[in-house]
Amino acid sequence: MSTPLRTYILQYKNLFRKVVFFCTCGSSSNGHTFRDIESLCGMKPIALFEVDSRKAADQNVATKL
């Protein structure tokens, strides 16, 4: 998780009513990032979305959502 994201969550998490997590990365995060964010927020997301470089190269990825 990036430092700016961690700082944002810590500063505003008390204002969150619902959360959605999305991630763009060079390779799959294996869920570590989402677990870390969930732990820091103290709440489960209502949805998750991750796009890694492999998925981004797939021109049909938008039809799979």
N, C-alpha and C. Protein backbone atom coordinates (compact mmCIF):
# COMPACT_ATOMS: atom_id res chain seq x y z
N MET A 1 0.86 -1.17 0.00
CA MET A 1 0.00 0.00 0.00
C MET A 1 0.91 1.23 0.00
N SER A 2 0.56 2.20 -0.79
CA SER A 2 1.36 3.42 -0.85
C SER A 2 1.18 4.26 0.41
N THR A 3 2.18 5.04 0.72
CA THR A 3 2.12 5.92 1.89
C THR A 3 0.98 6.92 1.79
N PRO A 4 0.74 7.56 0.62
CA PRO A 4 -0.40 8.49 0.55
C PRO A 4 -1.74 7.82 0.81
N LEU A 5 -1.92 6.59 0.34
CA LEU A 5 -3.18 5.88 0.59
C LEU A 5 -3.32 5.57 2.08
N ARG A 6 -2.25 5.08 2.69
CA ARG A 6 -2.28 4.78 4.12
C ARG A 6 -2.63 6.03 4.93
N THR A 7 -2.01 7.15 4.59
CA THR A 7 -2.26 8.42 5.28
C THR A 7 -3.71 8.84 5.12
N TYR A 8 -4.24 8.74 3.89
CA TYR A 8 -5.64 9.11 3.62
C TYR A 8 -6.59 8.27 4.46
N ILE A 9 -6.37 6.96 4.46
CA ILE A 9 -7.26 6.08 5.23
C ILE A 9 -7.22 6.43 6.71
N LEU A 10 -6.03 6.58 7.24
CA LEU A 10 -5.92 6.90 8.67
C LEU A 10 -6.57 8.22 9.02
N GLN A 11 -6.50 9.18 8.10
CA GLN A 11 -7.07 10.51 8.37
C GLN A 11 -8.59 10.53 8.24
N TYR A 12 -9.15 9.75 7.31
CA TYR A 12 -10.58 9.87 7.00
C TYR A 12 -11.41 8.63 7.31
N LYS A 13 -10.84 7.55 7.81
CA LYS A 13 -11.59 6.31 7.97
C LYS A 13 -12.83 6.45 8.85
N ASN A 14 -12.83 7.37 9.77
CA ASN A 14 -14.01 7.57 10.62
C ASN A 14 -15.19 8.15 9.85
N LEU A 15 -14.94 8.66 8.65
CA LEU A 15 -16.00 9.23 7.82
C LEU A 15 -16.56 8.22 6.81
N PHE A 16 -15.88 7.08 6.65
CA PHE A 16 -16.30 6.07 5.68
C PHE A 16 -17.59 5.38 6.16
N ARG A 17 -18.57 5.30 5.27
CA ARG A 17 -19.78 4.53 5.57
C ARG A 17 -19.74 3.20 4.84
N LYS A 18 -19.31 3.24 3.60
CA LYS A 18 -19.12 2.05 2.76
C LYS A 18 -17.83 2.27 1.98
N VAL A 19 -17.15 1.18 1.66
CA VAL A 19 -15.92 1.29 0.89
C VAL A 19 -15.91 0.30 -0.26
N VAL A 20 -15.24 0.68 -1.33
CA VAL A 20 -14.97 -0.15 -2.49
C VAL A 20 -13.47 -0.08 -2.71
N PHE A 21 -12.83 -1.20 -2.92
CA PHE A 21 -11.39 -1.22 -3.14
C PHE A 21 -11.10 -1.49 -4.60
N PHE A 22 -10.18 -0.72 -5.17
CA PHE A 22 -9.69 -1.02 -6.51
C PHE A 22 -8.18 -0.85 -6.51
N CYS A 23 -7.54 -1.61 -7.39
CA CYS A 23 -6.09 -1.61 -7.42
C CYS A 23 -5.62 -1.78 -8.85
N THR A 24 -4.62 -1.02 -9.24
CA THR A 24 -3.92 -1.23 -10.49
C THR A 24 -2.48 -1.52 -10.13
N CYS A 25 -1.90 -2.53 -10.77
CA CYS A 25 -0.54 -2.92 -10.41
C CYS A 25 0.14 -3.62 -11.58
N GLY A 26 1.46 -3.73 -11.48
CA GLY A 26 2.24 -4.40 -12.52
C GLY A 26 2.03 -5.90 -12.53
N SER A 27 1.77 -6.46 -11.37
CA SER A 27 1.50 -7.90 -11.25
C SER A 27 0.42 -8.08 -10.19
N SER A 28 -0.09 -9.27 -10.09
CA SER A 28 -1.16 -9.53 -9.13
C SER A 28 -0.68 -9.27 -7.71
N SER A 29 -1.54 -8.66 -6.90
CA SER A 29 -1.19 -8.36 -5.51
C SER A 29 -1.44 -9.55 -4.60
N ASN A 30 -2.05 -10.62 -5.13
CA ASN A 30 -2.40 -11.82 -4.35
C ASN A 30 -3.29 -11.48 -3.16
N GLY A 31 -4.00 -10.38 -3.22
CA GLY A 31 -4.93 -10.02 -2.17
C GLY A 31 -4.32 -9.34 -0.96
N HIS A 32 -2.99 -9.27 -0.90
CA HIS A 32 -2.34 -8.66 0.26
C HIS A 32 -2.76 -7.20 0.44
N THR A 33 -2.78 -6.46 -0.62
CA THR A 33 -3.12 -5.04 -0.53
C THR A 33 -4.55 -4.86 -0.02
N PHE A 34 -5.48 -5.64 -0.57
CA PHE A 34 -6.87 -5.52 -0.13
C PHE A 34 -7.02 -5.90 1.34
N ARG A 35 -6.34 -6.94 1.78
CA ARG A 35 -6.40 -7.33 3.20
C ARG A 35 -5.83 -6.23 4.08
N ASP A 36 -4.73 -5.61 3.65
CA ASP A 36 -4.13 -4.52 4.42
C ASP A 36 -5.07 -3.32 4.52
N ILE A 37 -5.70 -2.97 3.40
CA ILE A 37 -6.62 -1.83 3.39
C ILE A 37 -7.84 -2.13 4.28
N GLU A 38 -8.37 -3.34 4.17
CA GLU A 38 -9.52 -3.72 5.00
C GLU A 38 -9.18 -3.63 6.47
N SER A 39 -8.01 -4.10 6.83
CA SER A 39 -7.57 -4.05 8.22
C SER A 39 -7.44 -2.60 8.70
N LEU A 40 -6.86 -1.76 7.87
CA LEU A 40 -6.66 -0.36 8.24
C LEU A 40 -7.99 0.39 8.33
N CYS A 41 -8.91 0.10 7.41
CA CYS A 41 -10.23 0.75 7.41
C CYS A 41 -11.10 0.25 8.55
N GLY A 42 -10.91 -1.01 8.91
CA GLY A 42 -11.76 -1.62 9.92
C GLY A 42 -13.13 -2.00 9.40
N MET A 43 -13.23 -2.17 8.07
CA MET A 43 -14.51 -2.57 7.48
C MET A 43 -14.27 -3.33 6.18
N LYS A 44 -15.23 -4.18 5.84
CA LYS A 44 -15.16 -4.94 4.60
C LYS A 44 -15.68 -4.10 3.44
N PRO A 45 -15.08 -4.25 2.26
CA PRO A 45 -15.56 -3.51 1.09
C PRO A 45 -16.83 -4.13 0.53
N ILE A 46 -17.63 -3.31 -0.13
CA ILE A 46 -18.83 -3.84 -0.78
C ILE A 46 -18.48 -4.40 -2.16
N ALA A 47 -17.30 -4.04 -2.68
CA ALA A 47 -16.83 -4.57 -3.97
C ALA A 47 -15.32 -4.44 -4.04
N LEU A 48 -14.73 -5.30 -4.88
CA LEU A 48 -13.29 -5.28 -5.14
C LEU A 48 -13.06 -5.27 -6.64
N PHE A 49 -12.00 -4.60 -7.08
CA PHE A 49 -11.62 -4.62 -8.49
C PHE A 49 -10.13 -4.45 -8.59
N GLU A 50 -9.47 -5.37 -9.30
CA GLU A 50 -8.03 -5.29 -9.48
C GLU A 50 -7.69 -5.49 -10.95
N VAL A 51 -6.85 -4.62 -11.48
CA VAL A 51 -6.36 -4.77 -12.84
C VAL A 51 -4.85 -4.80 -12.78
N ASP A 52 -4.27 -5.94 -13.19
CA ASP A 52 -2.82 -6.01 -13.28
C ASP A 52 -2.43 -5.87 -14.75
N SER A 53 -1.14 -5.84 -15.02
CA SER A 53 -0.68 -5.60 -16.39
C SER A 53 -1.16 -6.67 -17.36
N ARG A 54 -1.30 -7.91 -16.90
CA ARG A 54 -1.79 -8.98 -17.75
C ARG A 54 -3.24 -8.72 -18.15
N LYS A 55 -4.08 -8.35 -17.18
CA LYS A 55 -5.48 -8.05 -17.47
C LYS A 55 -5.61 -6.81 -18.34
N ALA A 56 -4.77 -5.82 -18.09
CA ALA A 56 -4.84 -4.58 -18.87
C ALA A 56 -4.48 -4.83 -20.33
N ALA A 57 -3.62 -5.80 -20.59
CA ALA A 57 -3.23 -6.12 -21.97
C ALA A 57 -4.34 -6.87 -22.71
N ASP A 58 -5.26 -7.47 -21.97
CA ASP A 58 -6.37 -8.19 -22.57
C ASP A 58 -7.42 -7.19 -23.01
N GLN A 59 -7.57 -7.06 -24.32
CA GLN A 59 -8.49 -6.05 -24.85
C GLN A 59 -9.96 -6.39 -24.55
N ASN A 60 -10.24 -7.57 -24.10
CA ASN A 60 -11.60 -7.97 -23.77
C ASN A 60 -11.91 -7.81 -22.28
N VAL A 61 -11.00 -7.25 -21.50
CA VAL A 61 -11.19 -7.18 -20.06
C VAL A 61 -12.46 -6.41 -19.69
N ALA A 62 -12.81 -5.38 -20.43
CA ALA A 62 -14.00 -4.59 -20.11
C ALA A 62 -15.27 -5.43 -20.25
N THR A 63 -15.28 -6.39 -21.14
CA THR A 63 -16.48 -7.22 -21.31
C THR A 63 -16.59 -8.28 -20.22
N LYS A 64 -15.53 -8.48 -19.45
CA LYS A 64 -15.54 -9.48 -18.38
C LYS A 64 -15.97 -8.90 -17.05
N LEU A 65 -16.19 -7.60 -16.96
CA LEU A 65 -16.54 -6.97 -15.69
C LEU A 65 -17.97 -7.23 -15.30
